[in-house]
Amino acid sequence: MIEEQIVNNPQLDVLGIKVENWSWDEGFANINGRYQNDDEQSIFAFINAHNANISMRDPEYRNCIEQAIVLPDGVGVDLATKISSGQTFKANLNGTDLIPALMVYFQKPLTVAMIGAEEQIAKRAAEKFKAATPWHSFVVVSDGYFDGEDIPDILAKLKDVKPDILLVAMGSPMQEKWVEEYVTIEHAKLVFTVGALFDFVSQRVPRAPASWRKLRMEWMYRLSLEPRRLWRRYILGNPLFLWHVVRGRFFQ
């Protein structure tokens, strides 16, 4: 892997949150550049319509993602920037696609720690990652259903593992708040808050067919699979997100 430099492109604004506007190549270069920096920790978060809605009602969560390096996830944020500035993102750098691609990109063997989901789901995801990129090591540190009294042991295990990358999959806003409060450079250099990634990688939840993803309709496919769990997020949440965008563009 060739050493690459951090690329500083203008960010785009999603409901007041600064989001990186990188192509895939620029994304890999920037992440690698931050990996090469031994003196600083880099925390990456993802913004989609659902997370943006949370940020409008949860100041603590909003503060967490404003401190992170934020990447665009989904058609909703493209629509938001199109309305607010006439621009769209160069690439849809959602975690479900980015993290597996990043594992392939890094040819140097890395240690990747995983926290989140149910224990068997996390272990199955680790197996899938290992099968796809066998030169890396994947360590399940904890499921996502621990108690507060378990946190010291989890942090101690992270220090022992010394991961290059930490994936935290506990859902928003919990995962971002937990990382902000507890995870330091002693625990991992690169941290990604990845939501339902382990569910997808383990194949507990199937990805939308490529044709749906090409049309930017993966959210509708997910809704069809889990309507009871996701109807509020999409049927109520998507119009609310658009209202926030339109209000910010025309009424403020």
C-alpha atoms as a PDB file:
ATOM      1  CA  MET A   1       0.000   0.000   0.000  1.00  0.00           C
ATOM      2  CA  ILE A   2       1.399   3.391  -1.009  1.00  0.00           C
ATOM      3  CA  GLU A   3       1.511   6.058   1.689  1.00  0.00           C
ATOM      4  CA  GLU A   4      -1.007   8.750   0.878  1.00  0.00           C
ATOM      5  CA  GLN A   5      -1.581  12.244   2.144  1.00  0.00           C
ATOM      6  CA  ILE A   6      -4.678  13.666   3.768  1.00  0.00           C
ATOM      7  CA  VAL A   7      -6.836  15.443   1.194  1.00  0.00           C
ATOM      8  CA  ASN A   8      -8.561  18.572   2.466  1.00  0.00           C
ATOM      9  CA  ASN A   9     -11.725  19.090   0.420  1.00  0.00           C
ATOM     10  CA  PRO A  10     -14.478  21.548   1.334  1.00  0.00           C
ATOM     11  CA  GLN A  11     -17.043  19.918   3.591  1.00  0.00           C
ATOM     12  CA  LEU A  12     -20.776  19.971   2.935  1.00  0.00           C
ATOM     13  CA  ASP A  13     -23.370  20.956   5.509  1.00  0.00           C
ATOM     14  CA  VAL A  14     -26.171  18.662   6.713  1.00  0.00           C
ATOM     15  CA  LEU A  15     -28.408  20.442   9.240  1.00  0.00           C
ATOM     16  CA  GLY A  16     -25.408  22.391  10.494  1.00  0.00           C
ATOM     17  CA  ILE A  17     -23.127  19.349  10.732  1.00  0.00           C
ATOM     18  CA  LYS A  18     -19.939  19.463   8.661  1.00  0.00           C
ATOM     19  CA  VAL A  19     -19.628  16.293   6.554  1.00  0.00           C
ATOM     20  CA  GLU A  20     -16.591  15.223   4.539  1.00  0.00           C
ATOM     21  CA  ASN A  21     -17.038  15.310   0.758  1.00  0.00           C
ATOM     22  CA  TRP A  22     -14.586  12.623  -0.343  1.00  0.00           C
ATOM     23  CA  SER A  23     -14.475  10.273  -3.277  1.00  0.00           C
ATOM     24  CA  TRP A  24     -13.681   6.652  -2.449  1.00  0.00           C
ATOM     25  CA  ASP A  25      -9.999   7.177  -3.240  1.00  0.00           C
ATOM     26  CA  GLU A  26      -9.898  10.359  -1.182  1.00  0.00           C
ATOM     27  CA  GLY A  27     -11.625   8.577   1.677  1.00  0.00           C
ATOM     28  CA  PHE A  28      -9.045   5.789   1.702  1.00  0.00           C
ATOM     29  CA  ALA A  29      -6.210   8.332   1.483  1.00  0.00           C
ATOM     30  CA  ASN A  30      -7.567  10.392   4.375  1.00  0.00           C
ATOM     31  CA  ILE A  31      -8.175   7.388   6.612  1.00  0.00           C
ATOM     32  CA  ASN A  32      -4.716   6.050   5.842  1.00  0.00           C
ATOM     33  CA  GLY A  33      -3.198   9.453   6.544  1.00  0.00           C
ATOM     34  CA  ARG A  34      -4.831   9.468   9.956  1.00  0.00           C
ATOM     35  CA  TYR A  35      -3.688   5.914  10.593  1.00  0.00           C
ATOM     36  CA  GLN A  36      -0.095   6.991   9.918  1.00  0.00           C
ATOM     37  CA  ASN A  37      -0.384   9.684  12.614  1.00  0.00           C
ATOM     38  CA  ASP A  38       0.640   8.026  15.865  1.00  0.00           C
ATOM     39  CA  ASP A  39      -0.033  11.120  17.976  1.00  0.00           C
ATOM     40  CA  GLU A  40      -3.762  11.567  17.417  1.00  0.00           C
ATOM     41  CA  GLN A  41      -6.880   9.461  17.618  1.00  0.00           C
ATOM     42  CA  SER A  42      -9.432   9.746  14.801  1.00  0.00           C
ATOM     43  CA  ILE A  43     -13.100   8.976  15.455  1.00  0.00           C
ATOM     44  CA  PHE A  44     -15.360   8.485  12.429  1.00  0.00           C
ATOM     45  CA  ALA A  45     -19.143   8.767  12.503  1.00  0.00           C
ATOM     46  CA  PHE A  46     -21.761   8.481   9.775  1.00  0.00           C
ATOM     47  CA  ILE A  47     -24.682  10.822   9.119  1.00  0.00           C
ATOM     48  CA  ASN A  48     -27.942   9.792   7.490  1.00  0.00           C
ATOM     49  CA  ALA A  49     -31.483  11.144   7.727  1.00  0.00           C
ATOM     50  CA  HIS A  50     -32.178   9.175  10.905  1.00  0.00           C
ATOM     51  CA  ASN A  51     -29.017  10.299  12.710  1.00  0.00           C
ATOM     52  CA  ALA A  52     -29.545  13.877  11.576  1.00  0.00           C
ATOM     53  CA  ASN A  53     -33.015  13.826  13.137  1.00  0.00           C
ATOM     54  CA  ILE A  54     -31.518  12.569  16.403  1.00  0.00           C
ATOM     55  CA  SER A  55     -28.999  15.413  16.326  1.00  0.00           C
ATOM     56  CA  MET A  56     -31.835  17.953  16.214  1.00  0.00           C
ATOM     57  CA  ARG A  57     -33.290  16.777  19.530  1.00  0.00           C
ATOM     58  CA  ASP A  58     -30.249  15.427  21.390  1.00  0.00           C
ATOM     59  CA  PRO A  59     -27.565  18.066  22.068  1.00  0.00           C
ATOM     60  CA  GLU A  60     -25.196  15.541  23.677  1.00  0.00           C
ATOM     61  CA  TYR A  61     -25.266  13.343  20.590  1.00  0.00           C
ATOM     62  CA  ARG A  62     -24.861  16.331  18.295  1.00  0.00           C
ATOM     63  CA  ASN A  63     -21.778  17.410  20.223  1.00  0.00           C
ATOM     64  CA  CYS A  64     -20.306  13.913  19.813  1.00  0.00           C
ATOM     65  CA  ILE A  65     -20.639  13.825  16.046  1.00  0.00           C
ATOM     66  CA  GLU A  66     -19.457  17.413  15.697  1.00  0.00           C
ATOM     67  CA  GLN A  67     -16.209  16.293  17.353  1.00  0.00           C
ATOM     68  CA  ALA A  68     -15.895  13.343  14.940  1.00  0.00           C
ATOM     69  CA  ILE A  69     -14.950  13.021  11.288  1.00  0.00           C
ATOM     70  CA  VAL A  70     -18.389  12.652   9.718  1.00  0.00           C
ATOM     71  CA  LEU A  71     -19.028  10.673   6.531  1.00  0.00           C
ATOM     72  CA  PRO A  72     -22.179  10.705   4.361  1.00  0.00           C
ATOM     73  CA  ASP A  73     -24.569   7.747   4.450  1.00  0.00           C
ATOM     74  CA  GLY A  74     -27.465   7.442   2.052  1.00  0.00           C
ATOM     75  CA  VAL A  75     -29.608   9.339  -0.389  1.00  0.00           C
ATOM     76  CA  GLY A  76     -31.156  11.552   2.298  1.00  0.00           C
ATOM     77  CA  VAL A  77     -28.005  13.547   2.954  1.00  0.00           C
ATOM     78  CA  ASP A  78     -27.464  13.985  -0.797  1.00  0.00           C
ATOM     79  CA  LEU A  79     -30.961  15.423  -1.045  1.00  0.00           C
ATOM     80  CA  ALA A  80     -30.263  17.707   1.911  1.00  0.00           C
ATOM     81  CA  THR A  81     -27.117  19.195   0.404  1.00  0.00           C
ATOM     82  CA  LYS A  82     -28.779  19.503  -3.000  1.00  0.00           C
ATOM     83  CA  ILE A  83     -31.540  21.609  -1.419  1.00  0.00           C
ATOM     84  CA  SER A  84     -29.237  23.657   0.799  1.00  0.00           C
ATOM     85  CA  SER A  85     -26.285  24.260  -1.526  1.00  0.00           C
ATOM     86  CA  GLY A  86     -26.984  22.712  -4.920  1.00  0.00           C
ATOM     87  CA  GLN A  87     -24.242  20.115  -4.379  1.00  0.00           C
ATOM     88  CA  THR A  88     -24.218  16.382  -3.680  1.00  0.00           C
ATOM     89  CA  PHE A  89     -21.559  14.161  -2.149  1.00  0.00           C
ATOM     90  CA  LYS A  90     -18.910  12.585  -4.348  1.00  0.00           C
ATOM     91  CA  ALA A  91     -19.541   9.155  -2.829  1.00  0.00           C
ATOM     92  CA  ASN A  92     -21.922   7.371  -0.479  1.00  0.00           C
ATOM     93  CA  LEU A  93     -19.350   6.357   2.142  1.00  0.00           C
ATOM     94  CA  ASN A  94     -21.757   4.415   4.345  1.00  0.00           C
ATOM     95  CA  GLY A  95     -20.199   2.113   6.912  1.00  0.00           C
ATOM     96  CA  THR A  96     -21.699  -1.080   5.487  1.00  0.00           C
ATOM     97  CA  ASP A  97     -19.741  -0.575   2.266  1.00  0.00           C
ATOM     98  CA  LEU A  98     -16.770   1.410   3.571  1.00  0.00           C
ATOM     99  CA  ILE A  99     -15.535  -0.866   6.356  1.00  0.00           C
ATOM    100  CA  PRO A 100     -15.232  -4.082   4.273  1.00  0.00           C
ATOM    101  CA  ALA A 101     -13.606  -2.071   1.471  1.00  0.00           C
ATOM    102  CA  LEU A 102     -11.217  -0.485   3.969  1.00  0.00           C
ATOM    103  CA  MET A 103     -10.159  -3.923   5.192  1.00  0.00           C
ATOM    104  CA  VAL A 104      -9.226  -4.817   1.605  1.00  0.00           C
ATOM    105  CA  TYR A 105      -7.458  -1.479   1.092  1.00  0.00           C
ATOM    106  CA  PHE A 106      -5.159  -1.946   4.095  1.00  0.00           C
ATOM    107  CA  GLN A 107      -2.631  -4.538   2.932  1.00  0.00           C
ATOM    108  CA  LYS A 108      -0.577  -4.267   6.107  1.00  0.00           C
ATOM    109  CA  PRO A 109      -1.916  -6.742   8.717  1.00  0.00           C
ATOM    110  CA  LEU A 110      -4.009  -4.898  11.288  1.00  0.00           C
ATOM    111  CA  THR A 111      -5.751  -5.807  14.515  1.00  0.00           C
ATOM    112  CA  VAL A 112      -9.418  -4.863  14.453  1.00  0.00           C
ATOM    113  CA  ALA A 113     -11.402  -4.871  17.705  1.00  0.00           C
ATOM    114  CA  MET A 114     -15.179  -5.218  17.655  1.00  0.00           C
ATOM    115  CA  ILE A 115     -17.762  -4.146  20.229  1.00  0.00           C
ATOM    116  CA  GLY A 116     -21.511  -4.449  19.716  1.00  0.00           C
ATOM    117  CA  ALA A 117     -24.475  -6.547  18.583  1.00  0.00           C
ATOM    118  CA  GLU A 118     -25.279  -9.934  20.120  1.00  0.00           C
ATOM    119  CA  GLU A 119     -22.251 -12.064  20.931  1.00  0.00           C
ATOM    120  CA  GLN A 120     -22.931 -14.713  18.286  1.00  0.00           C
ATOM    121  CA  ILE A 121     -23.650 -12.074  15.649  1.00  0.00           C
ATOM    122  CA  ALA A 122     -20.382 -10.265  16.418  1.00  0.00           C
ATOM    123  CA  LYS A 123     -18.427 -13.542  16.297  1.00  0.00           C
ATOM    124  CA  ARG A 124     -20.024 -14.489  12.988  1.00  0.00           C
ATOM    125  CA  ALA A 125     -19.205 -11.055  11.583  1.00  0.00           C
ATOM    126  CA  ALA A 126     -15.589 -11.482  12.722  1.00  0.00           C
ATOM    127  CA  GLU A 127     -15.465 -14.828  10.905  1.00  0.00           C
ATOM    128  CA  LYS A 128     -16.829 -13.237   7.727  1.00  0.00           C
ATOM    129  CA  PHE A 129     -14.303 -10.403   7.931  1.00  0.00           C
ATOM    130  CA  LYS A 130     -11.486 -12.911   8.470  1.00  0.00           C
ATOM    131  CA  ALA A 131     -12.584 -15.032   5.517  1.00  0.00           C
ATOM    132  CA  ALA A 132     -12.586 -11.984   3.236  1.00  0.00           C
ATOM    133  CA  THR A 133      -9.321 -10.446   4.526  1.00  0.00           C
ATOM    134  CA  PRO A 134      -7.330 -13.211   6.248  1.00  0.00           C
ATOM    135  CA  TRP A 135      -4.225 -11.060   6.756  1.00  0.00           C
ATOM    136  CA  HIS A 136      -6.032  -9.046   9.474  1.00  0.00           C
ATOM    137  CA  SER A 137      -6.911 -10.151  13.004  1.00  0.00           C
ATOM    138  CA  PHE A 138     -10.477  -9.568  14.248  1.00  0.00           C
ATOM    139  CA  VAL A 139     -11.123  -9.653  17.978  1.00  0.00           C
ATOM    140  CA  VAL A 140     -14.606  -9.513  19.513  1.00  0.00           C
ATOM    141  CA  VAL A 141     -14.047  -7.587  22.737  1.00  0.00           C
ATOM    142  CA  SER A 142     -17.672  -7.453  23.904  1.00  0.00           C
ATOM    143  CA  ASP A 143     -21.233  -7.682  22.719  1.00  0.00           C
ATOM    144  CA  GLY A 144     -23.310  -4.515  22.842  1.00  0.00           C
ATOM    145  CA  TYR A 145     -25.425  -5.472  25.854  1.00  0.00           C
ATOM    146  CA  PHE A 146     -23.008  -4.869  28.712  1.00  0.00           C
ATOM    147  CA  ASP A 147     -23.709  -3.066  31.973  1.00  0.00           C
ATOM    148  CA  GLY A 148     -21.883  -0.066  33.345  1.00  0.00           C
ATOM    149  CA  GLU A 149     -19.969  -2.282  35.742  1.00  0.00           C
ATOM    150  CA  ASP A 150     -18.492  -4.158  32.763  1.00  0.00           C
ATOM    151  CA  ILE A 151     -16.932  -1.069  31.190  1.00  0.00           C
ATOM    152  CA  PRO A 152     -13.603  -1.136  33.104  1.00  0.00           C
ATOM    153  CA  ASP A 153     -13.006  -4.738  31.985  1.00  0.00           C
ATOM    154  CA  ILE A 154     -13.893  -3.857  28.377  1.00  0.00           C
ATOM    155  CA  LEU A 155     -11.489  -0.920  28.373  1.00  0.00           C
ATOM    156  CA  ALA A 156      -8.762  -3.045  29.967  1.00  0.00           C
ATOM    157  CA  LYS A 157      -9.226  -5.686  27.270  1.00  0.00           C
ATOM    158  CA  LEU A 158      -8.969  -3.021  24.580  1.00  0.00           C
ATOM    159  CA  LYS A 159      -5.638  -1.893  26.041  1.00  0.00           C
ATOM    160  CA  ASP A 160      -4.428  -5.486  25.997  1.00  0.00           C
ATOM    161  CA  VAL A 161      -5.566  -6.079  22.419  1.00  0.00           C
ATOM    162  CA  LYS A 162      -4.012  -2.793  21.222  1.00  0.00           C
ATOM    163  CA  PRO A 163      -6.187  -2.593  18.091  1.00  0.00           C
ATOM    164  CA  ASP A 164      -5.340  -0.456  15.112  1.00  0.00           C
ATOM    165  CA  ILE A 165      -9.056  -0.067  14.399  1.00  0.00           C
ATOM    166  CA  LEU A 166     -12.046  -0.280  16.734  1.00  0.00           C
ATOM    167  CA  LEU A 167     -15.545  -0.897  15.366  1.00  0.00           C
ATOM    168  CA  VAL A 168     -18.373   0.019  17.758  1.00  0.00           C
ATOM    169  CA  ALA A 169     -21.802  -1.236  16.696  1.00  0.00           C
ATOM    170  CA  MET A 170     -24.343  -0.281  19.345  1.00  0.00           C
ATOM    171  CA  GLY A 171     -26.649   2.003  17.379  1.00  0.00           C
ATOM    172  CA  SER A 172     -27.008   5.778  17.498  1.00  0.00           C
ATOM    173  CA  PRO A 173     -26.878   7.742  19.702  1.00  0.00           C
ATOM    174  CA  MET A 174     -25.539   5.218  22.234  1.00  0.00           C
ATOM    175  CA  GLN A 175     -22.409   4.226  20.333  1.00  0.00           C
ATOM    176  CA  GLU A 176     -21.239   7.798  19.695  1.00  0.00           C
ATOM    177  CA  LYS A 177     -21.825   8.820  23.306  1.00  0.00           C
ATOM    178  CA  TRP A 178     -20.014   5.737  24.617  1.00  0.00           C
ATOM    179  CA  VAL A 179     -16.999   6.308  22.407  1.00  0.00           C
ATOM    180  CA  GLU A 180     -16.851   9.987  23.304  1.00  0.00           C
ATOM    181  CA  GLU A 181     -16.942   9.232  27.035  1.00  0.00           C
ATOM    182  CA  TYR A 182     -14.685   6.208  27.281  1.00  0.00           C
ATOM    183  CA  VAL A 183     -12.493   5.499  24.259  1.00  0.00           C
ATOM    184  CA  THR A 184      -9.096   7.217  24.035  1.00  0.00           C
ATOM    185  CA  ILE A 185      -5.994   6.765  21.904  1.00  0.00           C
ATOM    186  CA  GLU A 186      -4.847   4.208  24.505  1.00  0.00           C
ATOM    187  CA  HIS A 187      -7.681   1.989  23.273  1.00  0.00           C
ATOM    188  CA  ALA A 188      -7.514   2.493  19.493  1.00  0.00           C
ATOM    189  CA  LYS A 189      -6.042   4.855  16.916  1.00  0.00           C
ATOM    190  CA  LEU A 190      -8.969   4.722  14.477  1.00  0.00           C
ATOM    191  CA  VAL A 191     -12.534   4.339  15.781  1.00  0.00           C
ATOM    192  CA  PHE A 192     -15.631   3.848  13.632  1.00  0.00           C
ATOM    193  CA  THR A 193     -19.187   3.923  15.007  1.00  0.00           C
ATOM    194  CA  VAL A 194     -20.904   1.526  12.634  1.00  0.00           C
ATOM    195  CA  GLY A 195     -24.523   0.899  13.686  1.00  0.00           C
ATOM    196  CA  ALA A 196     -25.918  -2.318  12.193  1.00  0.00           C
ATOM    197  CA  LEU A 197     -22.713  -3.293  10.362  1.00  0.00           C
ATOM    198  CA  PHE A 198     -22.262  -6.599  12.213  1.00  0.00           C
ATOM    199  CA  ASP A 199     -25.836  -7.604  11.385  1.00  0.00           C
ATOM    200  CA  PHE A 200     -25.129  -7.101   7.693  1.00  0.00           C
ATOM    201  CA  VAL A 201     -21.660  -8.669   7.624  1.00  0.00           C
ATOM    202  CA  SER A 202     -22.870 -11.716   9.579  1.00  0.00           C
ATOM    203  CA  GLN A 203     -25.823 -11.912   7.157  1.00  0.00           C
ATOM    204  CA  ARG A 204     -28.338 -11.900   9.986  1.00  0.00           C
ATOM    205  CA  VAL A 205     -29.907  -9.037   8.028  1.00  0.00           C
ATOM    206  CA  PRO A 206     -29.559  -9.303   4.229  1.00  0.00           C
ATOM    207  CA  ARG A 207     -28.342  -6.368   2.173  1.00  0.00           C
ATOM    208  CA  ALA A 208     -30.657  -4.989  -0.449  1.00  0.00           C
ATOM    209  CA  PRO A 209     -30.071  -6.381  -3.955  1.00  0.00           C
ATOM    210  CA  ALA A 210     -27.603  -4.425  -6.058  1.00  0.00           C
ATOM    211  CA  SER A 211     -30.412  -3.050  -8.208  1.00  0.00           C
ATOM    212  CA  TRP A 212     -32.074  -1.482  -5.145  1.00  0.00           C
ATOM    213  CA  ARG A 213     -28.771  -0.019  -3.962  1.00  0.00           C
ATOM    214  CA  LYS A 214     -28.068   1.424  -7.408  1.00  0.00           C
ATOM    215  CA  LEU A 215     -31.419   3.239  -7.252  1.00  0.00           C
ATOM    216  CA  ARG A 216     -30.519   4.508  -3.735  1.00  0.00           C
ATOM    217  CA  MET A 217     -33.560   2.672  -2.314  1.00  0.00           C
ATOM    218  CA  GLU A 218     -31.883   0.424   0.240  1.00  0.00           C
ATOM    219  CA  TRP A 219     -33.867   2.116   3.009  1.00  0.00           C
ATOM    220  CA  MET A 220     -37.105   0.916   1.410  1.00  0.00           C
ATOM    221  CA  TYR A 221     -35.783  -2.643   1.220  1.00  0.00           C
ATOM    222  CA  ARG A 222     -34.873  -2.538   4.913  1.00  0.00           C
ATOM    223  CA  LEU A 223     -38.325  -1.213   5.732  1.00  0.00           C
ATOM    224  CA  SER A 224     -39.902  -4.113   3.858  1.00  0.00           C
ATOM    225  CA  LEU A 225     -37.876  -6.590   5.940  1.00  0.00           C
ATOM    226  CA  GLU A 226     -38.478  -5.002   9.358  1.00  0.00           C
ATOM    227  CA  PRO A 227     -41.596  -2.804   9.097  1.00  0.00           C
ATOM    228  CA  ARG A 228     -42.511  -2.943  12.794  1.00  0.00           C
ATOM    229  CA  ARG A 229     -39.058  -1.870  13.914  1.00  0.00           C
ATOM    230  CA  LEU A 230     -38.268   0.661  11.189  1.00  0.00           C
ATOM    231  CA  TRP A 231     -41.540   2.328  10.231  1.00  0.00           C
ATOM    232  CA  ARG A 232     -41.027   5.252  12.580  1.00  0.00           C
ATOM    233  CA  ARG A 233     -37.487   5.796  11.289  1.00  0.00           C
ATOM    234  CA  TYR A 234     -38.521   5.935   7.644  1.00  0.00           C
ATOM    235  CA  ILE A 235     -42.246   6.717   7.338  1.00  0.00           C
ATOM    236  CA  LEU A 236     -42.162   9.443   9.983  1.00  0.00           C
ATOM    237  CA  GLY A 237     -38.449  10.192  10.058  1.00  0.00           C
ATOM    238  CA  ASN A 238     -37.820  10.887   6.382  1.00  0.00           C
ATOM    239  CA  PRO A 239     -40.497  13.633   6.075  1.00  0.00           C
ATOM    240  CA  LEU A 240     -39.276  15.127   9.370  1.00  0.00           C
ATOM    241  CA  PHE A 241     -35.731  15.238   8.035  1.00  0.00           C
ATOM    242  CA  LEU A 242     -36.863  16.972   4.855  1.00  0.00           C
ATOM    243  CA  TRP A 243     -38.803  19.477   6.947  1.00  0.00           C
ATOM    244  CA  HIS A 244     -35.658  20.293   8.933  1.00  0.00           C
ATOM    245  CA  VAL A 245     -33.728  20.740   5.664  1.00  0.00           C
ATOM    246  CA  VAL A 246     -36.354  22.949   4.012  1.00  0.00           C
ATOM    247  CA  ARG A 247     -36.860  25.023   7.153  1.00  0.00           C
ATOM    248  CA  GLY A 248     -33.107  25.572   7.443  1.00  0.00           C
ATOM    249  CA  ARG A 249     -32.826  26.548   3.778  1.00  0.00           C
ATOM    250  CA  PHE A 250     -35.827  28.866   3.379  1.00  0.00           C
ATOM    251  CA  PHE A 251     -37.061  29.954   6.815  1.00  0.00           C
ATOM    252  CA  GLN A 252     -33.948  30.802   8.786  1.00  0.00           C
END
